[in-house]
Amino acid sequence: MEMPPYHPPKKYSVRIEGHRTSISLEPLFWEMLSTAAALRGQSINSLVAEIDAERIRSETPPGLAGAIRIWLVTRELEKKETVKPRSPLDGPMNR
């Protein structure tokens, strides 16, 4: 089994509604964010702004970097859910 690409977070600069901010993300998450933005036809700044708006509306908002990681992992899990064949015996908890 290949080792995951462990790497400490790096700081990346983004703009949210015209305001510069920096986020600390592991390079793997930055690559995933960049790919997600490209697939959606958006800039990274635009996608980060969307994620930021969603996180602010949540009941217990995480930090921005955590929200980005959660958004990316949730997106990956949703992709796997659409591919995984389901048995009629599978309930909502057995996915």
PDB file of N, CA and C in Angstrom:
ATOM      1  N   MET A   1       0.847  -1.176   0.000  1.00  0.00           N
ATOM      2  CA  MET A   1       0.000   0.000   0.000  1.00  0.00           C
ATOM      3  C   MET A   1       0.893   1.240   0.000  1.00  0.00           C
ATOM      4  N   GLU A   2       0.559   2.185  -0.841  1.00  0.00           N
ATOM      5  CA  GLU A   2       1.327   3.417  -0.951  1.00  0.00           C
ATOM      6  C   GLU A   2       1.041   4.337   0.235  1.00  0.00           C
ATOM      7  N   MET A   3       2.077   4.995   0.720  1.00  0.00           N
ATOM      8  CA  MET A   3       1.924   5.924   1.841  1.00  0.00           C
ATOM      9  C   MET A   3       1.135   7.155   1.393  1.00  0.00           C
ATOM     10  N   PRO A   4       0.213   7.625   2.234  1.00  0.00           N
ATOM     11  CA  PRO A   4      -0.483   8.876   1.912  1.00  0.00           C
ATOM     12  C   PRO A   4       0.528  10.025   1.849  1.00  0.00           C
ATOM     13  N   PRO A   5       0.202  11.060   1.110  1.00  0.00           N
ATOM     14  CA  PRO A   5       1.138  12.187   0.971  1.00  0.00           C
ATOM     15  C   PRO A   5       1.117  13.098   2.203  1.00  0.00           C
ATOM     16  N   TYR A   6       1.710  12.618   3.292  1.00  0.00           N
ATOM     17  CA  TYR A   6       1.753  13.420   4.519  1.00  0.00           C
ATOM     18  C   TYR A   6       2.596  14.669   4.284  1.00  0.00           C
ATOM     19  N   HIS A   7       2.073  15.784   4.700  1.00  0.00           N
ATOM     20  CA  HIS A   7       2.798  17.040   4.572  1.00  0.00           C
ATOM     21  C   HIS A   7       2.145  18.037   5.507  1.00  0.00           C
ATOM     22  N   PRO A   8       2.949  18.844   6.192  1.00  0.00           N
ATOM     23  CA  PRO A   8       2.329  19.850   7.071  1.00  0.00           C
ATOM     24  C   PRO A   8       1.584  20.898   6.245  1.00  0.00           C
ATOM     25  N   PRO A   9       0.673  21.607   6.887  1.00  0.00           N
ATOM     26  CA  PRO A   9      -0.070  22.649   6.163  1.00  0.00           C
ATOM     27  C   PRO A   9       0.851  23.747   5.637  1.00  0.00           C
ATOM     28  N   LYS A  10       0.415  24.351   4.540  1.00  0.00           N
ATOM     29  CA  LYS A  10       1.075  25.525   3.966  1.00  0.00           C
ATOM     30  C   LYS A  10       0.057  26.653   3.969  1.00  0.00           C
ATOM     31  N   LYS A  11       0.539  27.874   3.993  1.00  0.00           N
ATOM     32  CA  LYS A  11      -0.358  29.033   3.934  1.00  0.00           C
ATOM     33  C   LYS A  11      -0.619  29.395   2.478  1.00  0.00           C
ATOM     34  N   TYR A  12      -1.884  29.616   2.174  1.00  0.00           N
ATOM     35  CA  TYR A  12      -2.308  30.044   0.843  1.00  0.00           C
ATOM     36  C   TYR A  12      -3.130  31.318   0.995  1.00  0.00           C
ATOM     37  N   SER A  13      -2.930  32.257   0.085  1.00  0.00           N
ATOM     38  CA  SER A  13      -3.693  33.507   0.116  1.00  0.00           C
ATOM     39  C   SER A  13      -4.923  33.390  -0.771  1.00  0.00           C
ATOM     40  N   VAL A  14      -6.048  33.854  -0.257  1.00  0.00           N
ATOM     41  CA  VAL A  14      -7.290  33.886  -1.030  1.00  0.00           C
ATOM     42  C   VAL A  14      -7.986  35.216  -0.775  1.00  0.00           C
ATOM     43  N   ARG A  15      -8.947  35.523  -1.635  1.00  0.00           N
ATOM     44  CA  ARG A  15      -9.778  36.713  -1.460  1.00  0.00           C
ATOM     45  C   ARG A  15     -11.219  36.265  -1.289  1.00  0.00           C
ATOM     46  N   ILE A  16     -11.838  36.779  -0.244  1.00  0.00           N
ATOM     47  CA  ILE A  16     -13.254  36.502   0.003  1.00  0.00           C
ATOM     48  C   ILE A  16     -13.955  37.849   0.030  1.00  0.00           C
ATOM     49  N   GLU A  17     -14.828  38.058  -0.955  1.00  0.00           N
ATOM     50  CA  GLU A  17     -15.549  39.326  -1.088  1.00  0.00           C
ATOM     51  C   GLU A  17     -14.597  40.515  -1.033  1.00  0.00           C
ATOM     52  N   GLY A  18     -13.476  40.404  -1.748  1.00  0.00           N
ATOM     53  CA  GLY A  18     -12.524  41.500  -1.848  1.00  0.00           C
ATOM     54  C   GLY A  18     -11.527  41.604  -0.713  1.00  0.00           C
ATOM     55  N   HIS A  19     -11.684  40.794   0.319  1.00  0.00           N
ATOM     56  CA  HIS A  19     -10.778  40.835   1.464  1.00  0.00           C
ATOM     57  C   HIS A  19      -9.765  39.703   1.368  1.00  0.00           C
ATOM     58  N   ARG A  20      -8.484  40.069   1.494  1.00  0.00           N
ATOM     59  CA  ARG A  20      -7.430  39.040   1.470  1.00  0.00           C
ATOM     60  C   ARG A  20      -7.384  38.335   2.812  1.00  0.00           C
ATOM     61  N   THR A  21      -7.238  37.043   2.749  1.00  0.00           N
ATOM     62  CA  THR A  21      -7.034  36.250   3.960  1.00  0.00           C
ATOM     63  C   THR A  21      -6.135  35.086   3.597  1.00  0.00           C
ATOM     64  N   SER A  22      -5.592  34.446   4.584  1.00  0.00           N
ATOM     65  CA  SER A  22      -4.777  33.263   4.294  1.00  0.00           C
ATOM     66  C   SER A  22      -5.377  32.076   5.027  1.00  0.00           C
ATOM     67  N   ILE A  23      -5.214  30.932   4.410  1.00  0.00           N
ATOM     68  CA  ILE A  23      -5.690  29.690   5.005  1.00  0.00           C
ATOM     69  C   ILE A  23      -4.520  28.714   5.023  1.00  0.00           C
ATOM     70  N   SER A  24      -4.482  27.901   6.041  1.00  0.00           N
ATOM     71  CA  SER A  24      -3.446  26.871   6.145  1.00  0.00           C
ATOM     72  C   SER A  24      -4.071  25.529   5.790  1.00  0.00           C
ATOM     73  N   LEU A  25      -3.620  24.966   4.686  1.00  0.00           N
ATOM     74  CA  LEU A  25      -4.117  23.669   4.228  1.00  0.00           C
ATOM     75  C   LEU A  25      -2.942  22.790   3.823  1.00  0.00           C
ATOM     76  N   GLU A  26      -3.106  21.508   4.027  1.00  0.00           N
ATOM     77  CA  GLU A  26      -2.136  20.559   3.509  1.00  0.00           C
ATOM     78  C   GLU A  26      -2.196  20.614   1.982  1.00  0.00           C
ATOM     79  N   PRO A  27      -1.049  20.425   1.304  1.00  0.00           N
ATOM     80  CA  PRO A  27      -1.044  20.493  -0.160  1.00  0.00           C
ATOM     81  C   PRO A  27      -2.077  19.578  -0.820  1.00  0.00           C
ATOM     82  N   LEU A  28      -2.332  18.409  -0.244  1.00  0.00           N
ATOM     83  CA  LEU A  28      -3.337  17.502  -0.808  1.00  0.00           C
ATOM     84  C   LEU A  28      -4.710  18.171  -0.854  1.00  0.00           C
ATOM     85  N   PHE A  29      -5.090  18.848   0.235  1.00  0.00           N
ATOM     86  CA  PHE A  29      -6.392  19.519   0.261  1.00  0.00           C
ATOM     87  C   PHE A  29      -6.413  20.709  -0.704  1.00  0.00           C
ATOM     88  N   TRP A  30      -5.287  21.412  -0.843  1.00  0.00           N
ATOM     89  CA  TRP A  30      -5.237  22.524  -1.791  1.00  0.00           C
ATOM     90  C   TRP A  30      -5.431  22.002  -3.214  1.00  0.00           C
ATOM     91  N   GLU A  31      -4.788  20.887  -3.533  1.00  0.00           N
ATOM     92  CA  GLU A  31      -4.950  20.284  -4.867  1.00  0.00           C
ATOM     93  C   GLU A  31      -6.398  19.866  -5.092  1.00  0.00           C
ATOM     94  N   MET A  32      -7.010  19.259  -4.071  1.00  0.00           N
ATOM     95  CA  MET A  32      -8.421  18.851  -4.190  1.00  0.00           C
ATOM     96  C   MET A  32      -9.318  20.071  -4.384  1.00  0.00           C
ATOM     97  N   LEU A  33      -9.036  21.151  -3.660  1.00  0.00           N
ATOM     98  CA  LEU A  33      -9.818  22.385  -3.784  1.00  0.00           C
ATOM     99  C   LEU A  33      -9.671  22.974  -5.185  1.00  0.00           C
ATOM    100  N   SER A  34      -8.456  22.990  -5.671  1.00  0.00           N
ATOM    101  CA  SER A  34      -8.187  23.507  -7.016  1.00  0.00           C
ATOM    102  C   SER A  34      -8.925  22.685  -8.075  1.00  0.00           C
ATOM    103  N   THR A  35      -8.893  21.367  -7.933  1.00  0.00           N
ATOM    104  CA  THR A  35      -9.596  20.481  -8.876  1.00  0.00           C
ATOM    105  C   THR A  35     -11.099  20.701  -8.808  1.00  0.00           C
ATOM    106  N   ALA A  36     -11.641  20.798  -7.594  1.00  0.00           N
ATOM    107  CA  ALA A  36     -13.083  21.010  -7.430  1.00  0.00           C
ATOM    108  C   ALA A  36     -13.509  22.324  -8.071  1.00  0.00           C
ATOM    109  N   ALA A  37     -12.727  23.375  -7.879  1.00  0.00           N
ATOM    110  CA  ALA A  37     -13.054  24.673  -8.476  1.00  0.00           C
ATOM    111  C   ALA A  37     -13.036  24.571 -10.001  1.00  0.00           C
ATOM    112  N   ALA A  38     -12.017  23.922 -10.545  1.00  0.00           N
ATOM    113  CA  ALA A  38     -11.919  23.779 -12.008  1.00  0.00           C
ATOM    114  C   ALA A  38     -13.095  22.985 -12.566  1.00  0.00           C
ATOM    115  N   LEU A  39     -13.461  21.899 -11.889  1.00  0.00           N
ATOM    116  CA  LEU A  39     -14.585  21.083 -12.356  1.00  0.00           C
ATOM    117  C   LEU A  39     -15.899  21.855 -12.320  1.00  0.00           C
ATOM    118  N   ARG A  40     -16.009  22.805 -11.401  1.00  0.00           N
ATOM    119  CA  ARG A  40     -17.217  23.621 -11.281  1.00  0.00           C
ATOM    120  C   ARG A  40     -17.149  24.878 -12.149  1.00  0.00           C
ATOM    121  N   GLY A  41     -16.015  25.077 -12.820  1.00  0.00           N
ATOM    122  CA  GLY A  41     -15.850  26.260 -13.664  1.00  0.00           C
ATOM    123  C   GLY A  41     -15.736  27.547 -12.858  1.00  0.00           C
ATOM    124  N   GLN A  42     -15.133  27.457 -11.682  1.00  0.00           N
ATOM    125  CA  GLN A  42     -15.000  28.612 -10.803  1.00  0.00           C
ATOM    126  C   GLN A  42     -13.537  28.837 -10.467  1.00  0.00           C
ATOM    127  N   SER A  43     -13.275  30.008  -9.947  1.00  0.00           N
ATOM    128  CA  SER A  43     -11.951  30.259  -9.387  1.00  0.00           C
ATOM    129  C   SER A  43     -11.911  29.662  -7.980  1.00  0.00           C
ATOM    130  N   ILE A  44     -10.716  29.466  -7.473  1.00  0.00           N
ATOM    131  CA  ILE A  44     -10.572  28.985  -6.093  1.00  0.00           C
ATOM    132  C   ILE A  44     -11.193  30.002  -5.143  1.00  0.00           C
ATOM    133  N   ASN A  45     -10.953  31.294  -5.383  1.00  0.00           N
ATOM    134  CA  ASN A  45     -11.517  32.329  -4.515  1.00  0.00           C
ATOM    135  C   ASN A  45     -13.038  32.259  -4.455  1.00  0.00           C
ATOM    136  N   SER A  46     -13.665  32.030  -5.592  1.00  0.00           N
ATOM    137  CA  SER A  46     -15.129  31.944  -5.652  1.00  0.00           C
ATOM    138  C   SER A  46     -15.636  30.743  -4.868  1.00  0.00           C
ATOM    139  N   LEU A  47     -14.985  29.607  -5.031  1.00  0.00           N
ATOM    140  CA  LEU A  47     -15.400  28.407  -4.306  1.00  0.00           C
ATOM    141  C   LEU A  47     -15.177  28.577  -2.807  1.00  0.00           C
ATOM    142  N   VAL A  48     -14.045  29.145  -2.417  1.00  0.00           N
ATOM    143  CA  VAL A  48     -13.779  29.377  -0.993  1.00  0.00           C
ATOM    144  C   VAL A  48     -14.835  30.324  -0.414  1.00  0.00           C
ATOM    145  N   ALA A  49     -15.238  31.323  -1.173  1.00  0.00           N
ATOM    146  CA  ALA A  49     -16.278  32.247  -0.700  1.00  0.00           C
ATOM    147  C   ALA A  49     -17.598  31.511  -0.472  1.00  0.00           C
ATOM    148  N   GLU A  50     -17.945  30.578  -1.365  1.00  0.00           N
ATOM    149  CA  GLU A  50     -19.169  29.778  -1.190  1.00  0.00           C
ATOM    150  C   GLU A  50     -19.087  28.918   0.070  1.00  0.00           C
ATOM    151  N   ILE A  51     -17.952  28.260   0.241  1.00  0.00           N
ATOM    152  CA  ILE A  51     -17.765  27.410   1.420  1.00  0.00           C
ATOM    153  C   ILE A  51     -17.828  28.269   2.687  1.00  0.00           C
ATOM    154  N   ASP A  52     -17.213  29.445   2.636  1.00  0.00           N
ATOM    155  CA  ASP A  52     -17.217  30.357   3.777  1.00  0.00           C
ATOM    156  C   ASP A  52     -18.643  30.776   4.132  1.00  0.00           C
ATOM    157  N   ALA A  53     -19.436  31.104   3.136  1.00  0.00           N
ATOM    158  CA  ALA A  53     -20.828  31.506   3.383  1.00  0.00           C
ATOM    159  C   ALA A  53     -21.628  30.368   4.005  1.00  0.00           C
ATOM    160  N   GLU A  54     -21.425  29.146   3.514  1.00  0.00           N
ATOM    161  CA  GLU A  54     -22.108  27.980   4.085  1.00  0.00           C
ATOM    162  C   GLU A  54     -21.701  27.768   5.533  1.00  0.00           C
ATOM    163  N   ARG A  55     -20.402  27.887   5.802  1.00  0.00           N
ATOM    164  CA  ARG A  55     -19.899  27.628   7.155  1.00  0.00           C
ATOM    165  C   ARG A  55     -20.446  28.646   8.137  1.00  0.00           C
ATOM    166  N   ILE A  56     -20.536  29.896   7.719  1.00  0.00           N
ATOM    167  CA  ILE A  56     -21.035  30.958   8.599  1.00  0.00           C
ATOM    168  C   ILE A  56     -22.498  30.715   8.971  1.00  0.00           C
ATOM    169  N   ARG A  57     -23.253  30.135   8.049  1.00  0.00           N
ATOM    170  CA  ARG A  57     -24.676  29.853   8.312  1.00  0.00           C
ATOM    171  C   ARG A  57     -24.887  28.630   9.201  1.00  0.00           C
ATOM    172  N   SER A  58     -23.847  27.833   9.412  1.00  0.00           N
ATOM    173  CA  SER A  58     -24.028  26.620  10.209  1.00  0.00           C
ATOM    174  C   SER A  58     -24.195  26.971  11.683  1.00  0.00           C
ATOM    175  N   GLU A  59     -24.805  26.038  12.405  1.00  0.00           N
ATOM    176  CA  GLU A  59     -25.089  26.255  13.821  1.00  0.00           C
ATOM    177  C   GLU A  59     -23.810  26.404  14.643  1.00  0.00           C
ATOM    178  N   THR A  60     -22.809  25.602  14.329  1.00  0.00           N
ATOM    179  CA  THR A  60     -21.528  25.663  15.043  1.00  0.00           C
ATOM    180  C   THR A  60     -20.413  25.761  14.002  1.00  0.00           C
ATOM    181  N   PRO A  61     -20.172  26.959  13.480  1.00  0.00           N
ATOM    182  CA  PRO A  61     -19.215  27.093  12.377  1.00  0.00           C
ATOM    183  C   PRO A  61     -17.781  26.749  12.777  1.00  0.00           C
ATOM    184  N   PRO A  62     -17.138  25.899  11.968  1.00  0.00           N
ATOM    185  CA  PRO A  62     -15.718  25.624  12.191  1.00  0.00           C
ATOM    186  C   PRO A  62     -14.892  26.772  11.606  1.00  0.00           C
ATOM    187  N   GLY A  63     -13.583  26.702  11.775  1.00  0.00           N
ATOM    188  CA  GLY A  63     -12.710  27.655  11.096  1.00  0.00           C
ATOM    189  C   GLY A  63     -12.774  27.419   9.594  1.00  0.00           C
ATOM    190  N   LEU A  64     -12.296  28.387   8.835  1.00  0.00           N
ATOM    191  CA  LEU A  64     -12.388  28.288   7.379  1.00  0.00           C
ATOM    192  C   LEU A  64     -11.626  27.086   6.831  1.00  0.00           C
ATOM    193  N   ALA A  65     -10.399  26.859   7.299  1.00  0.00           N
ATOM    194  CA  ALA A  65      -9.633  25.719   6.786  1.00  0.00           C
ATOM    195  C   ALA A  65     -10.343  24.403   7.100  1.00  0.00           C
ATOM    196  N   GLY A  66     -10.882  24.289   8.318  1.00  0.00           N
ATOM    197  CA  GLY A  66     -11.641  23.083   8.676  1.00  0.00           C
ATOM    198  C   GLY A  66     -12.876  22.928   7.811  1.00  0.00           C
ATOM    199  N   ALA A  67     -13.563  24.037   7.536  1.00  0.00           N
ATOM    200  CA  ALA A  67     -14.757  23.987   6.686  1.00  0.00           C
ATOM    201  C   ALA A  67     -14.402  23.514   5.282  1.00  0.00           C
ATOM    202  N   ILE A  68     -13.273  23.964   4.770  1.00  0.00           N
ATOM    203  CA  ILE A  68     -12.837  23.532   3.432  1.00  0.00           C
ATOM    204  C   ILE A  68     -12.554  22.035   3.435  1.00  0.00           C
ATOM    205  N   ARG A  69     -11.847  21.569   4.452  1.00  0.00           N
ATOM    206  CA  ARG A  69     -11.560  20.126   4.531  1.00  0.00           C
ATOM    207  C   ARG A  69     -12.857  19.320   4.623  1.00  0.00           C
ATOM    208  N   ILE A  70     -13.783  19.769   5.468  1.00  0.00           N
ATOM    209  CA  ILE A  70     -15.071  19.070   5.622  1.00  0.00           C
ATOM    210  C   ILE A  70     -15.817  19.060   4.297  1.00  0.00           C
ATOM    211  N   TRP A  71     -15.850  20.189   3.604  1.00  0.00           N
ATOM    212  CA  TRP A  71     -16.543  20.289   2.309  1.00  0.00           C
ATOM    213  C   TRP A  71     -15.938  19.309   1.313  1.00  0.00           C
ATOM    214  N   LEU A  72     -14.603  19.262   1.261  1.00  0.00           N
ATOM    215  CA  LEU A  72     -13.932  18.374   0.310  1.00  0.00           C
ATOM    216  C   LEU A  72     -14.172  16.904   0.629  1.00  0.00           C
ATOM    217  N   VAL A  73     -14.063  16.532   1.889  1.00  0.00           N
ATOM    218  CA  VAL A  73     -14.277  15.130   2.267  1.00  0.00           C
ATOM    219  C   VAL A  73     -15.734  14.743   2.029  1.00  0.00           C
ATOM    220  N   THR A  74     -16.664  15.615   2.372  1.00  0.00           N
ATOM    221  CA  THR A  74     -18.080  15.334   2.134  1.00  0.00           C
ATOM    222  C   THR A  74     -18.344  15.124   0.648  1.00  0.00           C
ATOM    223  N   ARG A  75     -17.734  15.951  -0.175  1.00  0.00           N
ATOM    224  CA  ARG A  75     -17.882  15.824  -1.634  1.00  0.00           C
ATOM    225  C   ARG A  75     -17.358  14.475  -2.115  1.00  0.00           C
ATOM    226  N   GLU A  76     -16.209  14.057  -1.595  1.00  0.00           N
ATOM    227  CA  GLU A  76     -15.648  12.758  -1.973  1.00  0.00           C
ATOM    228  C   GLU A  76     -16.550  11.612  -1.523  1.00  0.00           C
ATOM    229  N   LEU A  77     -17.081  11.704  -0.313  1.00  0.00           N
ATOM    230  CA  LEU A  77     -17.986  10.654   0.185  1.00  0.00           C
ATOM    231  C   LEU A  77     -19.264  10.595  -0.649  1.00  0.00           C
ATOM    232  N   GLU A  78     -19.779  11.751  -1.056  1.00  0.00           N
ATOM    233  CA  GLU A  78     -20.982  11.773  -1.896  1.00  0.00           C
ATOM    234  C   GLU A  78     -20.709  11.135  -3.252  1.00  0.00           C
ATOM    235  N   LYS A  79     -19.513  11.358  -3.800  1.00  0.00           N
ATOM    236  CA  LYS A  79     -19.164  10.734  -5.083  1.00  0.00           C
ATOM    237  C   LYS A  79     -19.142   9.214  -4.935  1.00  0.00           C
ATOM    238  N   LYS A  80     -18.604   8.724  -3.840  1.00  0.00           N
ATOM    239  CA  LYS A  80     -18.547   7.279  -3.616  1.00  0.00           C
ATOM    240  C   LYS A  80     -19.941   6.697  -3.413  1.00  0.00           C
ATOM    241  N   GLU A  81     -20.818   7.453  -2.759  1.00  0.00           N
ATOM    242  CA  GLU A  81     -22.198   6.996  -2.538  1.00  0.00           C
ATOM    243  C   GLU A  81     -22.934   6.805  -3.856  1.00  0.00           C
ATOM    244  N   THR A  82     -22.683   7.665  -4.837  1.00  0.00           N
ATOM    245  CA  THR A  82     -23.392   7.549  -6.107  1.00  0.00           C
ATOM    246  C   THR A  82     -22.872   6.386  -6.934  1.00  0.00           C
ATOM    247  N   VAL A  83     -21.671   5.903  -6.634  1.00  0.00           N
ATOM    248  CA  VAL A  83     -21.074   4.810  -7.391  1.00  0.00           C
ATOM    249  C   VAL A  83     -21.347   3.463  -6.742  1.00  0.00           C
ATOM    250  N   LYS A  84     -21.430   3.435  -5.419  1.00  0.00           N
ATOM    251  CA  LYS A  84     -21.559   2.180  -4.682  1.00  0.00           C
ATOM    252  C   LYS A  84     -22.917   1.528  -4.949  1.00  0.00           C
ATOM    253  N   PRO A  85     -22.920   0.271  -5.433  1.00  0.00           N
ATOM    254  CA  PRO A  85     -24.196  -0.426  -5.607  1.00  0.00           C
ATOM    255  C   PRO A  85     -24.807  -0.733  -4.243  1.00  0.00           C
ATOM    256  N   ARG A  86     -26.096  -0.578  -4.152  1.00  0.00           N
ATOM    257  CA  ARG A  86     -26.779  -0.806  -2.880  1.00  0.00           C
ATOM    258  C   ARG A  86     -27.669  -2.024  -2.961  1.00  0.00           C
ATOM    259  N   SER A  87     -27.725  -2.731  -1.854  1.00  0.00           N
ATOM    260  CA  SER A  87     -28.616  -3.866  -1.719  1.00  0.00           C
ATOM    261  C   SER A  87     -29.951  -3.361  -1.198  1.00  0.00           C
ATOM    262  N   PRO A  88     -31.073  -4.007  -1.552  1.00  0.00           N
ATOM    263  CA  PRO A  88     -32.356  -3.593  -0.992  1.00  0.00           C
ATOM    264  C   PRO A  88     -32.383  -3.716   0.528  1.00  0.00           C
ATOM    265  N   LEU A  89     -31.474  -4.526   1.093  1.00  0.00           N
ATOM    266  CA  LEU A  89     -31.428  -4.691   2.544  1.00  0.00           C
ATOM    267  C   LEU A  89     -30.694  -3.554   3.236  1.00  0.00           C
ATOM    268  N   ASP A  90     -29.983  -2.739   2.458  1.00  0.00           N
ATOM    269  CA  ASP A  90     -29.256  -1.615   3.045  1.00  0.00           C
ATOM    270  C   ASP A  90     -30.217  -0.555   3.515  1.00  0.00           C
ATOM    271  N   GLY A  91     -30.118  -0.235   4.772  1.00  0.00           N
ATOM    272  CA  GLY A  91     -30.875   0.892   5.309  1.00  0.00           C
ATOM    273  C   GLY A  91     -30.023   2.125   5.229  1.00  0.00           C
ATOM    274  N   PRO A  92     -30.523   3.257   5.671  1.00  0.00           N
ATOM    275  CA  PRO A  92     -29.746   4.484   5.585  1.00  0.00           C
ATOM    276  C   PRO A  92     -28.454   4.426   6.399  1.00  0.00           C
ATOM    277  N   MET A  93     -28.402   3.609   7.441  1.00  0.00           N
ATOM    278  CA  MET A  93     -27.205   3.531   8.276  1.00  0.00           C
ATOM    279  C   MET A  93     -26.187   2.536   7.729  1.00  0.00           C
ATOM    280  N   ASN A  94     -26.555   1.730   6.747  1.00  0.00           N
ATOM    281  CA  ASN A  94     -25.658   0.683   6.243  1.00  0.00           C
ATOM    282  C   ASN A  94     -24.988   1.072   4.923  1.00  0.00           C
ATOM    283  N   ARG A  95     -24.950   2.311   4.604  1.00  0.00           N
ATOM    284  CA  ARG A  95     -24.359   2.733   3.332  1.00  0.00           C
ATOM    285  C   ARG A  95     -22.871   2.697   3.361  1.00  0.00           C
TER     286      ARG A  95
END
